[in-house]
N, C-alpha and C. Protein backbone atom coordinates (compact mmCIF):
# COMPACT_ATOMS: atom_id res chain seq x y z
N MET A 1 82.06 210.83 160.76
CA MET A 1 82.52 209.36 160.65
C MET A 1 82.87 208.94 159.24
N THR A 2 82.23 209.42 158.27
CA THR A 2 82.50 209.05 156.91
C THR A 2 84.01 209.28 156.50
N LYS A 3 84.57 210.44 156.85
CA LYS A 3 86.00 210.74 156.51
C LYS A 3 86.84 209.83 157.27
N LYS A 4 86.64 209.50 158.47
CA LYS A 4 87.36 208.44 159.22
C LYS A 4 87.31 207.14 158.47
N LEU A 5 86.22 206.75 158.00
CA LEU A 5 86.05 205.52 157.48
C LEU A 5 86.72 205.53 156.02
N THR A 6 86.63 206.48 155.27
CA THR A 6 87.33 206.71 153.94
C THR A 6 88.82 206.65 154.16
N LEU A 7 89.27 207.40 155.10
CA LEU A 7 90.75 207.43 155.45
C LEU A 7 91.17 205.99 155.83
N PHE A 8 90.50 205.32 156.72
CA PHE A 8 90.88 203.99 157.10
C PHE A 8 90.84 203.06 155.96
N LEU A 9 89.79 203.09 155.10
CA LEU A 9 89.77 202.17 153.93
C LEU A 9 90.89 202.45 152.97
N SER A 10 91.26 203.65 152.78
CA SER A 10 92.35 204.18 151.91
C SER A 10 93.68 203.61 152.38
N ILE A 11 93.92 203.72 153.67
CA ILE A 11 95.16 203.23 154.29
C ILE A 11 95.21 201.65 154.17
N LEU A 12 94.14 201.08 154.40
CA LEU A 12 94.01 199.56 154.23
C LEU A 12 94.36 199.15 152.84
N LEU A 13 93.78 199.80 151.87
CA LEU A 13 93.90 199.53 150.42
C LEU A 13 95.50 199.58 150.08
N VAL A 14 96.12 200.74 150.54
CA VAL A 14 97.57 200.92 150.27
C VAL A 14 98.41 199.84 150.96
N ILE A 15 98.13 199.57 152.19
CA ILE A 15 98.76 198.44 152.87
C ILE A 15 98.70 197.00 152.08
N VAL A 16 97.38 196.70 151.65
CA VAL A 16 97.19 195.45 150.82
C VAL A 16 97.84 195.52 149.61
N PHE A 17 97.76 196.60 148.97
CA PHE A 17 98.53 196.78 147.60
C PHE A 17 99.94 196.62 147.82
N PHE A 18 100.52 197.12 148.72
CA PHE A 18 102.11 197.13 149.08
C PHE A 18 102.47 195.73 149.36
N HIS A 19 101.56 195.03 150.32
CA HIS A 19 101.92 193.64 150.69
C HIS A 19 101.92 192.75 149.41
N THR A 20 100.89 192.98 148.56
CA THR A 20 100.57 192.09 147.35
C THR A 20 101.92 192.30 146.47
N ALA A 21 102.32 193.44 146.26
CA ALA A 21 103.43 193.83 145.38
C ALA A 21 104.78 193.25 145.92
N VAL A 22 104.93 193.37 147.13
CA VAL A 22 106.18 192.80 147.73
C VAL A 22 106.18 191.32 147.71
N SER A 23 105.08 190.67 148.04
CA SER A 23 105.08 189.26 148.14
C SER A 23 104.95 188.52 146.86
N ALA A 24 104.69 189.28 145.82
CA ALA A 24 104.57 188.57 144.48
C ALA A 24 105.83 188.84 143.73
N GLU A 25 106.97 188.97 144.33
CA GLU A 25 108.19 189.18 143.67
C GLU A 25 108.30 188.15 142.64
N GLU A 26 108.62 188.57 141.55
CA GLU A 26 108.79 187.58 140.33
C GLU A 26 110.27 187.25 140.33
N VAL A 27 110.65 185.94 140.20
CA VAL A 27 111.85 185.38 140.04
C VAL A 27 111.99 184.92 138.73
N LYS A 28 113.00 185.43 137.99
CA LYS A 28 113.10 185.07 136.60
C LYS A 28 113.83 183.76 136.41
N PRO A 29 113.49 183.00 135.35
CA PRO A 29 114.04 181.58 135.23
C PRO A 29 115.66 181.70 135.39
N GLU A 30 116.22 182.67 134.66
CA GLU A 30 117.62 182.79 134.74
C GLU A 30 118.39 183.10 136.05
N GLN A 31 117.44 183.37 136.95
CA GLN A 31 117.81 183.63 138.45
C GLN A 31 117.83 182.28 139.26
N ILE A 32 117.35 181.26 138.65
CA ILE A 32 117.42 179.96 139.39
C ILE A 32 118.50 179.09 138.85
N VAL A 33 119.13 178.44 139.79
CA VAL A 33 120.17 177.46 139.42
C VAL A 33 119.84 176.14 140.01
N ILE A 34 120.34 175.16 139.36
CA ILE A 34 120.16 173.70 139.68
C ILE A 34 121.41 173.33 140.59
N VAL A 35 121.16 172.88 141.81
CA VAL A 35 122.34 172.38 142.67
C VAL A 35 122.19 170.83 142.86
N CYS A 36 123.28 170.21 142.95
CA CYS A 36 123.25 168.75 143.31
C CYS A 36 124.48 168.36 144.22
N HIS A 37 124.36 167.22 144.69
CA HIS A 37 125.57 166.67 145.46
C HIS A 37 126.77 166.71 144.64
N LYS A 38 127.95 166.81 145.33
CA LYS A 38 129.19 167.11 144.62
C LYS A 38 129.57 165.79 143.63
N ASP A 39 128.99 164.56 144.01
CA ASP A 39 129.19 163.38 143.24
C ASP A 39 128.27 163.15 142.21
N PHE A 40 127.30 164.16 142.01
CA PHE A 40 126.30 163.87 140.95
C PHE A 40 126.95 163.68 139.62
N PRO A 41 126.68 162.75 138.80
CA PRO A 41 127.32 162.40 137.54
C PRO A 41 127.39 163.43 136.49
N LEU A 42 126.52 164.47 136.62
CA LEU A 42 126.35 165.51 135.59
C LEU A 42 127.05 166.79 135.86
N THR A 43 127.55 167.40 134.82
CA THR A 43 128.15 168.97 135.01
C THR A 43 127.27 169.93 134.31
N ARG A 44 126.39 169.41 133.38
CA ARG A 44 125.45 170.23 132.72
C ARG A 44 124.18 169.45 132.62
N ILE A 45 123.00 170.25 132.44
CA ILE A 45 121.87 169.67 132.33
C ILE A 45 120.90 170.53 131.41
N ASN A 46 120.02 169.97 130.52
CA ASN A 46 119.17 170.91 129.87
C ASN A 46 117.80 170.83 130.45
N ASN A 47 116.96 171.92 129.98
CA ASN A 47 115.63 172.18 130.53
C ASN A 47 114.78 170.82 130.48
N LYS A 48 114.93 170.06 129.41
CA LYS A 48 114.09 168.77 129.24
C LYS A 48 114.40 167.89 130.28
N LEU A 49 115.64 167.55 130.62
CA LEU A 49 116.10 166.73 131.70
C LEU A 49 115.65 167.22 133.03
N VAL A 50 115.69 168.48 133.21
CA VAL A 50 115.37 168.93 134.48
C VAL A 50 113.79 168.54 134.78
N GLU A 51 113.00 168.84 133.67
CA GLU A 51 111.64 168.59 133.73
C GLU A 51 111.40 167.13 133.99
N GLU A 52 112.11 166.12 133.24
CA GLU A 52 111.95 164.74 133.36
C GLU A 52 112.38 164.35 134.81
N ILE A 53 113.40 164.91 135.31
CA ILE A 53 113.86 164.62 136.67
C ILE A 53 112.76 164.96 137.76
N PHE A 54 112.36 166.19 137.64
CA PHE A 54 111.62 166.80 138.66
C PHE A 54 110.00 166.22 138.53
N LEU A 55 109.75 165.58 137.49
CA LEU A 55 108.41 164.99 137.32
C LEU A 55 108.52 163.44 137.68
N GLY A 56 109.81 163.01 137.99
CA GLY A 56 109.99 161.66 138.35
C GLY A 56 109.93 160.63 137.22
N ARG A 57 110.13 161.22 136.03
CA ARG A 57 110.18 160.31 134.84
C ARG A 57 111.61 159.85 134.64
N THR A 58 112.71 160.54 134.93
CA THR A 58 114.02 160.14 135.04
C THR A 58 114.48 159.88 136.54
N THR A 59 114.70 158.67 136.88
CA THR A 59 114.98 158.44 138.34
C THR A 59 116.44 158.02 138.44
N SER A 60 117.25 157.92 137.50
CA SER A 60 118.66 157.61 137.58
C SER A 60 119.39 158.34 136.49
N VAL A 61 120.60 158.84 136.67
CA VAL A 61 121.36 159.47 135.66
C VAL A 61 122.85 159.04 135.64
N GLY A 62 123.44 159.27 134.51
CA GLY A 62 124.97 159.05 134.37
C GLY A 62 125.16 157.56 133.99
N GLU A 63 126.40 157.22 133.63
CA GLU A 63 126.72 155.91 133.21
C GLU A 63 126.49 154.93 134.29
N LYS A 64 126.72 155.39 135.50
CA LYS A 64 126.46 154.27 136.54
C LYS A 64 125.03 154.30 137.19
N LYS A 65 124.25 154.99 136.48
CA LYS A 65 122.82 155.23 136.88
C LYS A 65 122.65 155.49 138.34
N VAL A 66 123.19 156.66 138.65
CA VAL A 66 122.95 157.09 140.11
C VAL A 66 121.59 157.53 140.20
N LYS A 67 120.90 157.10 141.55
CA LYS A 67 119.58 157.26 141.77
C LYS A 67 119.51 158.70 142.19
N VAL A 68 118.46 159.38 141.53
CA VAL A 68 118.08 160.83 141.82
C VAL A 68 117.36 160.80 143.13
N ASN A 69 117.69 161.88 143.98
CA ASN A 69 116.94 162.12 145.23
C ASN A 69 116.55 163.63 145.06
N LEU A 70 115.22 163.85 144.74
CA LEU A 70 114.75 165.21 144.56
C LEU A 70 114.66 166.00 145.87
N ALA A 71 114.94 167.25 145.80
CA ALA A 71 114.93 168.27 146.91
C ALA A 71 114.14 169.46 146.25
N THR A 72 113.06 169.74 146.84
CA THR A 72 112.20 170.87 146.40
C THR A 72 111.92 171.96 147.49
N LEU A 73 111.69 173.16 147.13
CA LEU A 73 111.18 174.13 148.14
C LEU A 73 109.56 173.82 148.43
N LYS A 74 109.20 174.20 149.61
CA LYS A 74 107.70 174.09 149.84
C LYS A 74 106.95 175.06 149.05
N GLU A 75 107.43 176.34 149.21
CA GLU A 75 106.71 177.45 148.50
C GLU A 75 107.59 178.61 148.40
N GLY A 76 107.08 179.72 147.81
CA GLY A 76 107.80 180.90 147.70
C GLY A 76 108.02 181.31 146.22
N PRO A 77 108.64 182.41 145.96
CA PRO A 77 108.87 182.84 144.60
C PRO A 77 109.75 182.07 143.82
N VAL A 78 110.89 181.52 144.54
CA VAL A 78 111.87 180.69 143.74
C VAL A 78 111.20 179.40 143.23
N HIS A 79 110.34 178.71 144.21
CA HIS A 79 109.59 177.55 143.83
C HIS A 79 108.62 177.79 142.76
N GLU A 80 107.86 178.83 142.85
CA GLU A 80 106.88 179.23 141.94
C GLU A 80 107.39 179.37 140.48
N SER A 81 108.61 180.13 140.44
CA SER A 81 109.18 180.27 139.15
C SER A 81 109.74 179.08 138.57
N PHE A 82 110.37 178.20 139.44
CA PHE A 82 111.02 176.94 138.99
C PHE A 82 109.88 176.21 138.42
N VAL A 83 108.81 175.84 139.07
CA VAL A 83 107.77 174.92 138.58
C VAL A 83 107.02 175.55 137.39
N LYS A 84 106.97 176.88 137.36
CA LYS A 84 106.33 177.51 136.13
C LYS A 84 107.24 177.38 134.96
N ASN A 85 108.45 177.65 135.05
CA ASN A 85 109.44 177.81 133.93
C ASN A 85 110.12 176.54 133.45
N TYR A 86 110.41 175.75 134.50
CA TYR A 86 111.18 174.48 134.12
C TYR A 86 110.20 173.20 134.06
N ILE A 87 109.26 173.27 134.96
CA ILE A 87 108.18 171.99 134.94
C ILE A 87 107.04 172.34 134.00
N ARG A 88 106.74 173.59 133.76
CA ARG A 88 105.63 174.01 133.11
C ARG A 88 104.29 173.60 133.64
N LYS A 89 104.30 173.76 135.03
CA LYS A 89 103.03 173.60 135.65
C LYS A 89 102.78 174.74 136.67
N THR A 90 101.59 174.76 137.24
CA THR A 90 101.37 175.65 138.40
C THR A 90 101.84 174.83 139.67
N THR A 91 102.01 175.61 140.75
CA THR A 91 102.48 174.93 141.94
C THR A 91 101.43 173.85 142.39
N THR A 92 100.14 174.19 142.19
CA THR A 92 99.12 173.31 142.58
C THR A 92 99.11 172.05 141.73
N GLN A 93 99.29 172.16 140.31
CA GLN A 93 99.41 171.10 139.50
C GLN A 93 100.57 170.27 139.74
N PHE A 94 101.67 170.81 140.17
CA PHE A 94 102.91 170.03 140.53
C PHE A 94 102.67 169.16 141.76
N LYS A 95 102.08 169.84 142.79
CA LYS A 95 101.85 169.09 144.02
C LYS A 95 100.83 168.02 143.75
N ASN A 96 99.77 168.20 143.02
CA ASN A 96 98.74 167.24 142.69
C ASN A 96 99.39 166.07 141.74
N PHE A 97 100.22 166.43 140.99
CA PHE A 97 100.92 165.46 140.06
C PHE A 97 101.70 164.44 141.02
N TRP A 98 102.48 165.00 141.96
CA TRP A 98 103.16 164.19 142.99
C TRP A 98 102.26 163.46 143.78
N LYS A 99 101.16 163.99 144.24
CA LYS A 99 100.32 163.30 145.22
C LYS A 99 99.69 161.96 144.32
N LYS A 100 99.39 162.28 143.18
CA LYS A 100 98.88 161.20 142.23
C LYS A 100 99.80 160.05 142.16
N LEU A 101 101.12 160.30 141.96
CA LEU A 101 102.15 159.35 141.78
C LEU A 101 102.31 158.57 143.13
N VAL A 102 102.27 159.23 144.20
CA VAL A 102 102.47 158.69 145.47
C VAL A 102 101.32 157.81 145.76
N PHE A 103 100.04 158.27 145.70
CA PHE A 103 98.94 157.54 145.81
C PHE A 103 98.79 156.20 145.08
N SER A 104 99.29 156.28 143.78
CA SER A 104 99.28 155.05 142.89
C SER A 104 100.49 154.15 143.23
N GLY A 105 101.37 154.52 144.08
CA GLY A 105 102.35 153.72 144.53
C GLY A 105 103.63 153.68 143.58
N LYS A 106 103.63 154.65 142.59
CA LYS A 106 104.63 154.84 141.63
C LYS A 106 105.81 155.47 142.15
N ALA A 107 105.74 156.35 143.16
CA ALA A 107 106.90 157.10 143.65
C ALA A 107 106.75 157.64 145.06
N LYS A 108 107.86 158.08 145.58
CA LYS A 108 107.67 158.74 147.05
C LYS A 108 107.75 160.29 146.73
N MET A 109 107.07 160.96 147.54
CA MET A 109 106.98 162.45 147.47
C MET A 109 108.47 162.93 147.68
N PRO A 110 108.89 163.93 146.85
CA PRO A 110 110.12 164.57 147.11
C PRO A 110 110.24 165.28 148.43
N LYS A 111 111.57 165.35 148.86
CA LYS A 111 111.74 165.97 150.14
C LYS A 111 111.64 167.40 149.78
N SER A 112 110.83 168.09 150.80
CA SER A 112 110.52 169.50 150.52
C SER A 112 111.01 170.27 151.85
N PHE A 113 111.55 171.57 151.44
CA PHE A 113 112.18 172.28 152.45
C PHE A 113 111.56 173.82 152.56
N LYS A 114 111.58 174.39 153.68
CA LYS A 114 111.11 175.66 153.89
C LYS A 114 112.03 176.70 153.34
N THR A 115 113.37 176.49 153.48
CA THR A 115 114.39 177.46 153.07
C THR A 115 115.30 176.86 152.08
N GLU A 116 115.98 177.69 151.31
CA GLU A 116 116.93 177.31 150.50
C GLU A 116 118.18 176.69 151.17
N LYS A 117 118.47 177.37 152.35
CA LYS A 117 119.58 176.84 153.12
C LYS A 117 119.36 175.39 153.62
N GLU A 118 118.12 175.17 153.86
CA GLU A 118 117.79 173.75 154.41
C GLU A 118 118.01 172.76 153.23
N LEU A 119 117.48 173.29 152.04
CA LEU A 119 117.59 172.33 150.88
C LEU A 119 118.98 172.10 150.43
N VAL A 120 119.93 173.08 150.54
CA VAL A 120 121.25 172.92 150.26
C VAL A 120 121.96 172.03 151.29
N GLN A 121 121.58 172.15 152.52
CA GLN A 121 122.17 171.31 153.48
C GLN A 121 121.88 169.79 153.25
N HIS A 122 120.50 169.53 152.89
CA HIS A 122 120.16 168.17 152.41
C HIS A 122 120.90 167.69 151.13
N VAL A 123 121.20 168.67 150.26
CA VAL A 123 121.81 168.15 148.98
C VAL A 123 123.25 167.90 149.33
N GLN A 124 123.81 168.71 150.30
CA GLN A 124 125.31 168.40 150.55
C GLN A 124 125.43 167.03 151.13
N LYS A 125 124.55 166.44 151.83
CA LYS A 125 124.79 165.27 152.50
C LYS A 125 124.12 164.09 151.93
N THR A 126 123.49 164.29 150.89
CA THR A 126 122.60 163.17 150.29
C THR A 126 123.09 162.77 148.90
N LYS A 127 123.67 161.71 148.74
CA LYS A 127 124.06 161.30 147.37
C LYS A 127 123.02 161.25 146.34
N GLY A 128 123.22 161.76 145.12
CA GLY A 128 122.13 161.73 144.15
C GLY A 128 121.16 162.83 144.31
N ALA A 129 121.45 163.70 145.31
CA ALA A 129 120.31 164.73 145.47
C ALA A 129 120.46 165.89 144.42
N ILE A 130 119.41 166.43 144.20
CA ILE A 130 119.32 167.52 143.15
C ILE A 130 118.10 168.41 143.48
N GLY A 131 118.42 169.77 143.49
CA GLY A 131 117.35 170.80 143.69
C GLY A 131 117.57 172.11 143.09
N TYR A 132 116.98 173.09 143.53
CA TYR A 132 117.06 174.44 142.78
C TYR A 132 117.03 175.48 143.82
N ILE A 133 117.86 176.55 143.56
CA ILE A 133 117.80 177.64 144.49
C ILE A 133 118.11 178.98 143.60
N HIS A 134 117.87 180.25 144.34
CA HIS A 134 118.13 181.41 143.66
C HIS A 134 119.62 181.70 143.49
N ILE A 135 120.01 182.23 142.37
CA ILE A 135 121.38 182.47 142.06
C ILE A 135 122.08 183.20 143.10
N LYS A 136 121.42 184.10 143.93
CA LYS A 136 122.14 184.79 144.95
C LYS A 136 122.52 183.76 145.98
N THR A 137 121.72 182.87 146.30
CA THR A 137 121.99 181.84 147.35
C THR A 137 123.21 181.06 146.96
N SER A 138 123.32 180.78 145.66
CA SER A 138 124.37 179.86 145.22
C SER A 138 125.81 180.57 145.42
N LYS A 139 125.64 181.86 145.54
CA LYS A 139 127.09 182.57 145.63
C LYS A 139 127.33 182.83 147.03
N ASP A 140 126.59 182.42 147.96
CA ASP A 140 126.85 182.65 149.35
C ASP A 140 127.63 181.42 149.91
N ASN A 141 129.03 181.58 150.18
CA ASN A 141 129.85 180.59 150.53
C ASN A 141 129.47 179.93 151.91
N ALA A 142 128.56 180.67 152.69
CA ALA A 142 128.14 180.37 154.00
C ALA A 142 127.03 179.11 153.74
N VAL A 143 126.42 179.07 152.66
CA VAL A 143 125.38 178.25 152.28
C VAL A 143 125.87 177.12 151.27
N VAL A 144 126.49 177.55 150.29
CA VAL A 144 126.84 176.46 149.16
C VAL A 144 128.39 176.50 149.39
N THR A 145 128.77 175.10 149.75
CA THR A 145 130.19 174.75 150.02
C THR A 145 130.50 173.84 148.72
N ASP A 146 131.77 173.32 148.95
CA ASP A 146 132.45 172.38 148.01
C ASP A 146 131.64 171.09 147.95
N ALA A 147 130.74 170.90 148.81
CA ALA A 147 130.05 169.53 148.89
C ALA A 147 128.79 169.61 147.86
N VAL A 148 128.59 170.84 147.13
CA VAL A 148 127.52 170.99 146.32
C VAL A 148 128.04 171.47 145.05
N LYS A 149 127.45 170.96 143.93
CA LYS A 149 127.92 171.37 142.61
C LYS A 149 126.62 172.07 141.94
N VAL A 150 126.91 173.27 141.34
CA VAL A 150 125.97 173.97 140.65
C VAL A 150 126.00 173.57 139.13
N LEU A 151 124.95 173.13 138.64
CA LEU A 151 124.89 172.57 137.20
C LEU A 151 124.62 173.70 136.27
N ALA A 152 125.29 173.77 135.29
CA ALA A 152 124.99 174.76 134.11
C ALA A 152 123.69 174.24 133.40
N VAL A 153 122.74 175.07 133.22
CA VAL A 153 121.55 174.71 132.50
C VAL A 153 121.56 175.07 131.11
N LYS A 154 121.43 174.24 130.12
CA LYS A 154 121.40 174.50 128.77
C LYS A 154 120.02 174.43 128.20
N LYS A 155 119.53 175.50 127.68
CA LYS A 155 118.19 175.47 127.11
C LYS A 155 118.17 174.61 125.91
N LYS A 156 117.06 173.95 125.80
CA LYS A 156 116.95 173.01 124.59
C LYS A 156 115.62 173.15 123.95
């Protein structure tokens, strides 16, 4: 009985380790691109402005002060990396930050999407929309069309 139990526990440990390694896939900051509606008034953006926009501190951009409509992912490696590297918070801190703003009446919760494709579809049809996706997704013409602009991110 002990050999069977040992074998079972060993197999279980391997499965758990493999699942953790696969699900914890690290997305590097340079693999994330900022996408926006084609009429968004910027062609470039720096890290500081990304942070300001996604923390709700900057709510309009450009000479005409176009209202910003945030689009975020609900979860996943791209969301985790974006929040960690651009917003400089954990995903829990980011969510709680927004809950606090909403509860205090200072802002509305950003639109959140399960998939990058859903996020891009929202950005395509929403003026002032801005979000983030993996660079691989940005090169998929079936997902990113001419209705979406990819902003160059300049580190500051």
